[in-house]
């Protein structure tokens, strides 16, 4: 019996050691897997986050410029609308004044109608001033429209650079670069403060990145990399992060001029329907529809005021002839006749009116010639009205990869597109097209 209890008490001694040994090995392997897989997952997430941050920043920079271009284009549209309204009112007023002037000039043939002669000269002066104002309107609207278009092009030139540079900056900032700092003993620093101010290679890389971007003018597809060594484990491990950005490219524009407005009147009027035009909406849309007629009327003003110069010259010739006839009668009278009582003042009247008419004809001729000179230099058909976009999308893509050697671990390559596509990990919601109408690009991330 004692032997039995002894065997029961001592027969399996030492088995727990074997079990613990096996469990410890399994635990070590599991810990190794957890640490390494966790590290890989962390790097994977960081790489994914960096490409999302990069494409969001690049798209946001593009949004700012695209909206700026749209806002500037609104100024061009206002310039076009203002000219259309002023041209309609000016031309109608000019035509009415022209018809009245012809009737007034004819009234000068009535003997003693000095008021008609004075009104003729005044009316011609008014017509010439209106013609000069119209010429200045055309010249001013053309110059202002071209300046606005130059501003749009200046913003457009920045579009690839700004979107690429922003994408690069944010991609590297969020890539999780964990470059080790040089040990304090080897840094040459005298205290903790001076040590904290020392730059790592990555700090220097990020500080010089704007300069690097400025020197890199290849905006189609650009690759930039940063590599660093890590020897904290006793082995030299090389890490490299690569960022490739295909930025938003320049927007192709077609400059729509006043001579082309009538051909696009359906599209333009559909755009105007979306705007708050208050009580002028009908007049503005009418001006769009008859843009070609306005151009024709502007040309007609120069031709008509030239014709007016000829008409006034004919009237002046008639007045000179009448003045000569009555002057001859006045000269032939004697004290026994009373012809000088009426012939002499009539001759003086027609002479003065003829002189007024000659001056008015010269004024009208000068205005016509001057208008044609301005018209040839800045024809109204060349007034810029819209910068019309010929492309609907503004894509941007970013790619970030991270590799580690000598273990050759690739943490993944992530590509993200803007605007959002179904396969994208992140992006930016784009609402509307840039021109026309005024665009409103939404830079809210859509993760």
Protein backbone atom coordinates (compact mmCIF):
# COMPACT_ATOMS: atom_id res chain seq x y z
CA UNK A 1 0.00 0.00 0.00
CA UNK A 2 2.81 2.44 0.79
CA UNK A 3 4.43 1.65 -2.54
CA UNK A 4 1.17 2.44 -4.38
CA UNK A 5 0.82 5.82 -2.76
CA UNK A 6 4.45 6.56 -3.48
CA UNK A 7 3.98 5.87 -7.18
CA UNK A 8 0.83 7.93 -7.28
CA UNK A 9 2.68 10.81 -5.65
CA UNK A 10 5.89 10.70 -7.63
CA UNK A 11 5.22 8.86 -10.90
CA UNK A 12 4.41 11.97 -13.14
CA UNK A 13 6.78 14.45 -11.69
CA UNK A 14 8.33 16.97 -14.20
CA UNK A 15 5.60 17.01 -16.98
CA UNK A 16 4.59 20.65 -16.27
CA UNK A 17 8.05 21.82 -17.32
CA UNK A 18 7.63 20.32 -20.76
CA UNK A 19 4.19 21.88 -21.15
CA UNK A 20 5.44 25.29 -20.09
CA UNK A 21 8.39 25.02 -22.48
CA UNK A 22 6.12 24.29 -25.43
CA UNK A 23 3.74 27.06 -24.38
CA UNK A 24 6.61 29.53 -24.09
CA UNK A 25 7.81 28.70 -27.59
CA UNK A 26 4.31 29.18 -28.95
CA UNK A 27 3.98 32.45 -27.05
CA UNK A 28 7.29 33.75 -28.43
CA UNK A 29 6.30 32.83 -31.96
CA UNK A 30 2.91 34.49 -31.52
CA UNK A 31 4.49 37.60 -30.04
CA UNK A 32 6.97 37.70 -32.92
CA UNK A 33 4.12 37.41 -35.42
CA UNK A 34 2.00 40.02 -33.63
CA UNK A 35 4.85 42.53 -33.43
CA UNK A 36 5.95 42.08 -37.04
CA UNK A 37 2.49 41.85 -38.51
CA UNK A 38 1.41 44.81 -36.39
CA UNK A 39 4.40 46.80 -37.55
CA UNK A 40 3.60 45.96 -41.16
CA UNK A 41 -0.01 46.92 -40.61
CA UNK A 42 0.96 50.24 -39.03
CA UNK A 43 3.21 51.05 -41.97
CA UNK A 44 0.49 49.94 -44.32
CA UNK A 45 -2.01 52.31 -42.69
CA UNK A 46 0.49 55.16 -42.67
CA UNK A 47 1.16 54.67 -46.37
CA UNK A 48 -2.55 54.58 -47.10
CA UNK A 49 -3.12 57.70 -44.99
CA UNK A 50 -0.32 59.55 -46.74
CA UNK A 51 -1.74 59.00 -50.21
CA UNK A 52 -5.18 60.05 -48.99
CA UNK A 53 -3.75 63.19 -47.39
CA UNK A 54 -1.73 63.93 -50.53
CA UNK A 55 -4.60 63.62 -52.97
CA UNK A 56 -6.90 65.59 -50.67
CA UNK A 57 -4.37 68.43 -50.38
CA UNK A 58 -3.65 68.44 -54.12
CA UNK A 59 -7.34 68.41 -54.95
CA UNK A 60 -8.03 71.18 -52.44
CA UNK A 61 -5.32 73.36 -54.00
CA UNK A 62 -6.85 72.71 -57.42
CA UNK A 63 -10.31 73.62 -56.09
CA UNK A 64 -9.07 76.97 -54.85
CA UNK A 65 -7.59 77.88 -58.22
CA UNK A 66 -10.54 76.55 -60.22
CA UNK A 67 -12.96 78.58 -58.12
CA UNK A 68 -10.71 81.63 -58.49
CA UNK A 69 -10.75 81.24 -62.26
CA UNK A 70 -14.53 80.92 -62.20
CA UNK A 71 -14.84 84.09 -60.08
CA UNK A 72 -12.56 86.02 -62.41
CA UNK A 73 -14.54 84.76 -65.38
CA UNK A 74 -17.63 86.24 -63.75
CA UNK A 75 -15.95 89.64 -64.12
CA UNK A 76 -15.56 89.01 -67.84
CA UNK A 77 -19.25 88.09 -68.05
CA UNK A 78 -20.20 91.30 -66.22
CA UNK A 79 -18.04 93.27 -68.62
CA UNK A 80 -19.84 91.64 -71.55
CA UNK A 81 -23.28 92.21 -70.00
CA UNK A 82 -22.48 95.85 -69.23
CA UNK A 83 -21.33 96.48 -72.78
CA UNK A 84 -24.41 94.75 -74.23
CA UNK A 85 -26.80 96.90 -72.18
CA UNK A 86 -24.96 100.16 -72.84
CA UNK A 87 -24.62 99.42 -76.56
CA UNK A 88 -28.36 98.78 -76.94
CA UNK A 89 -29.35 101.98 -75.15
CA UNK A 90 -26.69 104.05 -76.89
CA UNK A 91 -27.53 102.77 -80.37
CA UNK A 92 -31.28 103.33 -79.98
CA UNK A 93 -30.66 106.85 -78.69
CA UNK A 94 -28.20 107.52 -81.50
CA UNK A 95 -30.59 106.39 -84.23
CA UNK A 96 -33.44 108.52 -82.85
CA UNK A 97 -31.18 111.57 -82.59
CA UNK A 98 -29.91 110.93 -86.13
CA UNK A 99 -33.43 110.96 -87.61
CA UNK A 100 -34.34 114.11 -85.70
CA UNK A 101 -31.16 115.80 -86.85
CA UNK A 102 -31.93 115.19 -90.53
CA UNK A 103 -35.35 116.79 -90.05
CA UNK A 104 -33.82 119.72 -88.18
CA UNK A 105 -31.20 120.25 -90.89
CA UNK A 106 -33.94 120.37 -93.52
CA UNK A 107 -35.71 123.05 -91.50
CA UNK A 108 -32.76 125.40 -91.97
CA UNK A 109 -33.94 125.97 -95.56
CA UNK A 110 -36.87 127.87 -94.14
CA UNK A 111 -36.04 131.57 -94.21
CA UNK A 112 -35.17 133.01 -90.85
CA UNK A 113 -35.20 129.72 -88.92
CA UNK A 114 -32.08 130.46 -86.90
CA UNK A 115 -33.13 128.02 -84.18
CA UNK A 116 -32.98 125.11 -86.65
CA UNK A 117 -29.45 126.04 -87.65
CA UNK A 118 -28.29 126.24 -84.05
CA UNK A 119 -30.02 122.95 -83.22
CA UNK A 120 -28.37 121.29 -86.20
CA UNK A 121 -24.90 122.24 -85.05
CA UNK A 122 -25.70 121.21 -81.48
CA UNK A 123 -27.23 117.93 -82.64
CA UNK A 124 -24.21 117.04 -84.77
CA UNK A 125 -21.95 117.73 -81.81
CA UNK A 126 -24.11 115.44 -79.67
CA UNK A 127 -24.00 112.67 -82.27
CA UNK A 128 -20.23 112.97 -82.57
CA UNK A 129 -19.82 112.75 -78.79
CA UNK A 130 -22.09 109.69 -78.65
CA UNK A 131 -20.09 108.08 -81.47
CA UNK A 132 -16.87 108.81 -79.59
CA UNK A 133 -18.38 107.33 -76.42
CA UNK A 134 -19.34 104.19 -78.34
CA UNK A 135 -15.80 103.88 -79.68
CA UNK A 136 -14.40 104.28 -76.16
CA UNK A 137 -16.87 101.67 -74.87
CA UNK A 138 -15.65 99.17 -77.47
CA UNK A 139 -12.01 99.91 -76.77
CA UNK A 140 -12.48 99.76 -72.98
CA UNK A 141 -14.53 96.56 -73.03
CA UNK A 142 -11.96 94.89 -75.28
CA UNK A 143 -8.99 95.87 -73.12
CA UNK A 144 -10.73 94.93 -69.88
CA UNK A 145 -11.87 91.59 -71.28
CA UNK A 146 -8.34 90.75 -72.44
CA UNK A 147 -6.90 91.71 -69.05
CA UNK A 148 -9.42 89.44 -67.32
CA UNK A 149 -8.53 86.58 -69.64
CA UNK A 150 -4.84 87.13 -68.87
CA UNK A 151 -5.70 86.80 -65.16
CA UNK A 152 -7.50 83.51 -65.86
CA UNK A 153 -4.50 82.21 -67.78
CA UNK A 154 -2.17 83.27 -64.97
CA UNK A 155 -4.22 81.25 -62.47
CA UNK A 156 -4.45 78.38 -64.93
CA UNK A 157 -0.65 78.26 -65.24
CA UNK A 158 -0.44 77.65 -61.47
CA UNK A 159 -2.91 74.76 -61.50
CA UNK A 160 -0.49 71.84 -62.18
CA UNK A 161 2.23 73.21 -59.91
CA UNK A 162 0.04 74.02 -56.92
CA UNK A 163 -1.86 70.73 -57.02
CA UNK A 164 1.34 68.69 -57.37
CA UNK A 165 3.30 70.59 -54.72
CA UNK A 166 0.48 70.35 -52.18
CA UNK A 167 0.04 66.63 -52.84
CA UNK A 168 3.76 66.01 -52.34
CA UNK A 169 3.96 68.06 -49.17
CA UNK A 170 1.07 66.32 -47.44
CA UNK A 171 1.97 62.85 -48.68
CA UNK A 172 5.45 63.01 -47.13
CA UNK A 173 4.18 64.75 -43.99
CA UNK A 174 1.79 61.84 -43.32
CA UNK A 175 3.99 59.00 -44.52
CA UNK A 176 5.20 58.13 -41.01
CA UNK A 177 8.94 58.58 -41.59
CA UNK A 178 10.64 57.38 -38.37
CA UNK A 179 14.23 58.27 -39.15
CA UNK A 180 16.34 57.95 -35.98
CA UNK A 181 18.10 61.04 -34.65
CA UNK A 182 21.84 61.10 -34.27
CA UNK A 183 22.88 60.13 -30.70
CA UNK A 184 23.48 63.04 -28.34
CA UNK A 185 27.05 61.97 -27.81
CA UNK A 186 27.79 62.22 -31.52
CA UNK A 187 25.69 65.30 -32.24
CA UNK A 188 28.07 67.94 -30.94
CA UNK A 189 25.19 69.54 -29.03
CA UNK A 190 26.01 71.09 -25.68
CA UNK A 191 22.58 70.84 -24.09
CA UNK A 192 19.11 69.42 -24.62
CA UNK A 193 17.79 72.60 -26.21
CA UNK A 194 20.48 72.76 -28.89
CA UNK A 195 20.07 69.01 -29.45
CA UNK A 196 16.34 69.42 -30.03
CA UNK A 197 17.04 72.01 -32.74
CA UNK A 198 19.21 69.65 -34.77
CA UNK A 199 17.67 68.62 -38.10
CA UNK A 200 17.32 65.05 -39.26
CA UNK A 201 17.77 64.32 -42.95
CA UNK A 202 13.99 64.20 -43.26
CA UNK A 203 13.64 67.59 -41.57
CA UNK A 204 16.08 68.99 -44.09
CA UNK A 205 14.29 67.22 -46.94
CA UNK A 206 10.95 68.76 -45.96
CA UNK A 207 12.49 72.21 -45.46
CA UNK A 208 14.01 72.09 -48.94
CA UNK A 209 10.95 70.50 -50.58
CA UNK A 210 9.51 73.87 -51.77
CA UNK A 211 12.84 74.62 -53.45
CA UNK A 212 12.88 71.16 -54.98
CA UNK A 213 9.35 71.65 -56.27
CA UNK A 214 10.23 75.02 -57.75
CA UNK A 215 13.11 73.53 -59.70
CA UNK A 216 10.99 70.59 -60.93
CA UNK A 217 8.87 71.87 -63.80
CA UNK A 218 7.75 68.47 -65.06
CA UNK A 219 4.09 68.61 -64.12
CA UNK A 220 2.82 65.69 -66.20
CA UNK A 221 3.88 62.87 -63.89
CA UNK A 222 6.52 63.48 -61.28
CA UNK A 223 8.30 61.08 -58.90
CA UNK A 224 10.18 62.11 -55.77
CA UNK A 225 11.74 59.84 -53.10
CA UNK A 226 13.22 59.98 -49.63
CA UNK A 227 15.44 57.24 -48.19
CA UNK A 228 16.98 56.76 -44.74
CA UNK A 229 18.92 54.16 -42.80
CA UNK A 230 17.92 52.70 -39.46
CA UNK A 231 20.52 50.82 -37.40
CA UNK A 232 18.75 50.80 -34.05
CA UNK A 233 18.39 47.00 -34.16
CA UNK A 234 22.07 46.46 -34.84
CA UNK A 235 21.44 45.85 -38.51
CA UNK A 236 21.41 48.55 -41.15
CA UNK A 237 17.93 48.72 -42.66
CA UNK A 238 17.27 51.00 -45.58
CA UNK A 239 13.82 52.56 -45.90
CA UNK A 240 12.50 54.40 -48.91
CA UNK A 241 9.24 56.26 -49.53
CA UNK A 242 8.31 57.13 -53.11
CA UNK A 243 5.61 59.65 -54.02
CA UNK A 244 4.33 59.99 -57.57
CA UNK A 245 1.78 62.69 -58.38
CA UNK A 246 -0.11 63.25 -61.60
CA UNK A 247 -1.44 66.75 -60.92
CA UNK A 248 -4.48 68.56 -62.23
CA UNK A 249 -3.51 69.79 -65.68
CA UNK A 250 -4.23 73.22 -67.14
CA UNK A 251 -7.81 73.77 -68.24
CA UNK A 252 -8.22 74.08 -72.02
CA UNK A 253 -10.22 77.21 -72.73
CA UNK A 254 -11.98 78.58 -75.78
CA UNK A 255 -12.26 82.34 -75.56
CA UNK A 256 -15.78 83.24 -76.65
CA UNK A 257 -15.86 86.70 -78.23
CA UNK A 258 -18.75 89.03 -78.93
CA UNK A 259 -18.93 87.98 -82.58
CA UNK A 260 -19.56 84.38 -81.45
CA UNK A 261 -22.16 85.14 -78.77
CA UNK A 262 -25.19 84.93 -81.07
CA UNK A 263 -24.16 81.43 -82.19
CA UNK A 264 -24.11 80.29 -78.55
CA UNK A 265 -27.21 82.23 -77.46
CA UNK A 266 -29.17 79.13 -76.38
CA UNK A 267 -26.40 77.98 -74.03
CA UNK A 268 -25.67 81.48 -72.74
CA UNK A 269 -29.34 82.28 -72.13
CA UNK A 270 -29.75 78.95 -70.32
CA UNK A 271 -26.88 80.03 -68.06
CA UNK A 272 -28.40 83.49 -67.58
CA UNK A 273 -31.65 81.83 -66.50
CA UNK A 274 -29.78 80.50 -63.46
CA UNK A 275 -28.59 83.97 -62.43
CA UNK A 276 -30.34 86.75 -60.55
CA UNK A 277 -30.57 89.44 -63.21
CA UNK A 278 -33.32 91.47 -61.49
CA UNK A 279 -35.33 93.55 -63.96
CA UNK A 280 -32.61 93.62 -66.64
CA UNK A 281 -32.79 89.92 -67.44
CA UNK A 282 -34.97 90.29 -70.52
CA UNK A 283 -32.86 93.10 -71.96
CA UNK A 284 -29.62 91.19 -71.34
CA UNK A 285 -30.93 88.01 -72.98
CA UNK A 286 -32.26 90.06 -75.87
CA UNK A 287 -28.80 91.59 -76.28
CA UNK A 288 -27.27 88.10 -76.42
CA UNK A 289 -29.71 87.03 -79.13
CA UNK A 290 -29.09 90.11 -81.30
CA UNK A 291 -25.33 90.37 -80.68
CA UNK A 292 -24.65 90.18 -84.42
CA UNK A 293 -27.25 92.92 -85.02
CA UNK A 294 -25.53 95.11 -82.42
CA UNK A 295 -22.22 94.68 -84.22
CA UNK A 296 -23.92 95.62 -87.50
CA UNK A 297 -25.50 98.70 -85.94
CA UNK A 298 -22.19 99.79 -84.47
CA UNK A 299 -20.64 99.58 -87.92
CA UNK A 300 -23.65 101.46 -89.31
CA UNK A 301 -23.13 104.38 -86.95
CA UNK A 302 -19.75 105.08 -88.48
CA UNK A 303 -21.18 104.77 -91.97
CA UNK A 304 -24.24 106.88 -91.16
CA UNK A 305 -22.31 109.68 -89.53
CA UNK A 306 -20.11 109.73 -92.62
CA UNK A 307 -23.26 109.94 -94.74
CA UNK A 308 -24.46 112.75 -92.46
CA UNK A 309 -21.32 114.68 -93.30
CA UNK A 310 -22.21 114.39 -96.99
CA UNK A 311 -25.85 115.41 -96.37
CA UNK A 312 -24.76 118.43 -94.34
CA UNK A 313 -22.31 119.33 -97.10
CA UNK A 314 -25.16 119.25 -99.63
CA UNK A 315 -27.29 121.44 -97.36
CA UNK A 316 -24.35 123.81 -96.96
CA UNK A 317 -24.04 124.02 -100.77
CA UNK A 318 -27.73 124.81 -101.07
CA UNK A 319 -27.42 127.46 -98.37
CA UNK A 320 -24.41 129.01 -100.13
CA UNK A 321 -26.38 129.09 -103.40
CA UNK A 322 -29.38 130.75 -101.80
CA UNK A 323 -27.11 133.20 -100.02
CA UNK A 324 -25.46 134.12 -103.30
CA UNK A 325 -28.83 134.64 -105.02
CA UNK A 326 -30.16 136.94 -102.34
CA UNK A 327 -26.84 138.74 -102.08
CA UNK A 328 -27.01 139.52 -105.79
CA UNK A 329 -30.52 140.90 -105.35
CA UNK A 330 -29.34 142.95 -102.39
CA UNK A 331 -26.45 144.37 -104.40
CA UNK A 332 -28.66 145.37 -107.32
CA UNK A 333 -31.17 147.36 -105.33
CA UNK A 334 -31.28 151.18 -105.27
CA UNK A 335 -32.96 153.83 -103.16
CA UNK A 336 -35.89 153.72 -105.59
CA UNK A 337 -36.46 150.03 -104.87
CA UNK A 338 -37.02 148.32 -101.51
CA UNK A 339 -35.49 144.89 -102.36
CA UNK A 340 -32.67 145.54 -99.91
CA UNK A 341 -35.24 145.61 -97.15
CA UNK A 342 -35.66 141.83 -97.40
CA UNK A 343 -32.90 140.49 -99.72
CA UNK A 344 -29.94 141.66 -97.67
CA UNK A 345 -30.95 140.07 -94.32
CA UNK A 346 -31.99 136.85 -96.09
CA UNK A 347 -28.60 136.66 -97.78
CA UNK A 348 -26.92 137.18 -94.43
CA UNK A 349 -29.09 134.42 -92.89
CA UNK A 350 -28.26 131.84 -95.54
CA UNK A 351 -24.58 132.77 -95.40
CA UNK A 352 -24.38 132.20 -91.64
CA UNK A 353 -26.36 128.94 -91.87
CA UNK A 354 -24.08 127.74 -94.68
CA UNK A 355 -21.05 128.37 -92.50
CA UNK A 356 -22.69 126.44 -89.62
CA UNK A 357 -23.49 123.58 -91.97
CA UNK A 358 -19.94 123.47 -93.29
CA UNK A 359 -18.58 123.29 -89.75
CA UNK A 360 -21.09 120.57 -88.83
CA UNK A 361 -20.22 118.54 -91.95
CA UNK A 362 -16.51 118.76 -91.12
CA UNK A 363 -17.23 117.68 -87.54
CA UNK A 364 -19.29 114.69 -88.71
CA UNK A 365 -16.61 113.67 -91.23
CA UNK A 366 -13.90 113.83 -88.57
CA UNK A 367 -16.02 111.72 -86.19
CA UNK A 368 -16.64 109.10 -88.88
CA UNK A 369 -12.95 108.85 -89.78
CA UNK A 370 -11.91 108.67 -86.12
CA UNK A 371 -14.50 105.96 -85.41
CA UNK A 372 -13.31 103.84 -88.32
CA UNK A 373 -9.74 104.14 -87.06
CA UNK A 374 -10.80 102.93 -83.58
CA UNK A 375 -13.09 100.30 -85.11
CA UNK A 376 -10.24 98.79 -87.12
CA UNK A 377 -8.00 98.72 -84.05
CA UNK A 378 -10.59 97.23 -81.68
CA UNK A 379 -13.62 95.89 -83.54
CA UNK A 380 -16.58 95.13 -81.23
CA UNK A 381 -16.61 91.50 -82.35
CA UNK A 382 -13.30 90.99 -80.54
CA UNK A 383 -14.62 91.85 -77.07
CA UNK A 384 -13.93 88.81 -74.80
CA UNK A 385 -17.18 87.57 -73.23
CA UNK A 386 -16.61 84.08 -71.78
CA UNK A 387 -13.65 81.80 -71.13
CA UNK A 388 -15.38 78.57 -72.09
CA UNK A 389 -14.01 75.30 -70.71
CA UNK A 390 -13.66 72.47 -73.21
CA UNK A 391 -13.03 69.70 -70.66
CA UNK A 392 -15.40 68.40 -68.01
CA UNK A 393 -13.11 66.61 -65.52
CA UNK A 394 -10.03 67.72 -63.59
CA UNK A 395 -8.36 64.47 -62.49
CA UNK A 396 -5.52 64.20 -60.01
CA UNK A 397 -3.85 60.99 -58.83
CA UNK A 398 -1.22 60.23 -56.21
CA UNK A 399 0.79 57.08 -55.55
CA UNK A 400 2.83 56.37 -52.41
CA UNK A 401 4.97 53.30 -51.81
CA UNK A 402 7.29 52.33 -48.96
CA UNK A 403 9.95 49.64 -49.10
CA UNK A 404 12.43 48.25 -46.58
CA UNK A 405 15.65 46.44 -47.44
CA UNK A 406 17.46 44.06 -47.02
CA UNK A 407 14.29 42.28 -45.92
CA UNK A 408 12.58 43.62 -49.07
CA UNK A 409 9.28 44.33 -47.37
CA UNK A 410 6.93 46.31 -49.59
CA UNK A 411 4.25 48.05 -47.56
CA UNK A 412 2.03 48.54 -50.56
CA UNK A 413 1.36 50.95 -53.39
CA UNK A 414 -1.76 53.08 -53.04
CA UNK A 415 -3.26 55.11 -55.84
CA UNK A 416 -6.04 57.61 -55.27
CA UNK A 417 -7.88 59.70 -57.82
CA UNK A 418 -9.65 63.01 -57.61
CA UNK A 419 -12.51 63.50 -58.38
CA UNK A 420 -13.87 60.46 -56.58
CA UNK A 421 -14.10 57.21 -58.50
CA UNK A 422 -15.58 54.00 -57.16
CA UNK A 423 -12.14 52.41 -56.83
CA UNK A 424 -10.63 55.31 -54.92
CA UNK A 425 -9.76 55.08 -51.27
CA UNK A 426 -10.41 58.79 -50.83
CA UNK A 427 -10.97 61.89 -52.85
CA UNK A 428 -12.88 65.10 -53.23
CA UNK A 429 -16.44 65.65 -54.29
CA UNK A 430 -16.65 67.90 -57.36
CA UNK A 431 -19.97 69.59 -57.97
CA UNK A 432 -20.61 71.40 -61.25
CA UNK A 433 -18.41 72.38 -64.15
CA UNK A 434 -16.11 75.36 -64.13
CA UNK A 435 -17.28 77.41 -67.12
CA UNK A 436 -20.07 78.09 -67.59
CA UNK A 437 -21.45 78.80 -65.07
CA UNK A 438 -19.51 79.84 -62.01
CA UNK A 439 -18.21 76.65 -60.46
CA UNK A 440 -18.50 75.66 -56.84
CA UNK A 441 -15.90 73.01 -56.12
CA UNK A 442 -16.51 71.23 -52.86
CA UNK A 443 -13.29 70.41 -51.01
CA UNK A 444 -14.94 68.30 -48.31
CA UNK A 445 -13.21 64.90 -48.13
CA UNK A 446 -15.31 61.88 -48.95
CA UNK A 447 -13.67 58.98 -47.10
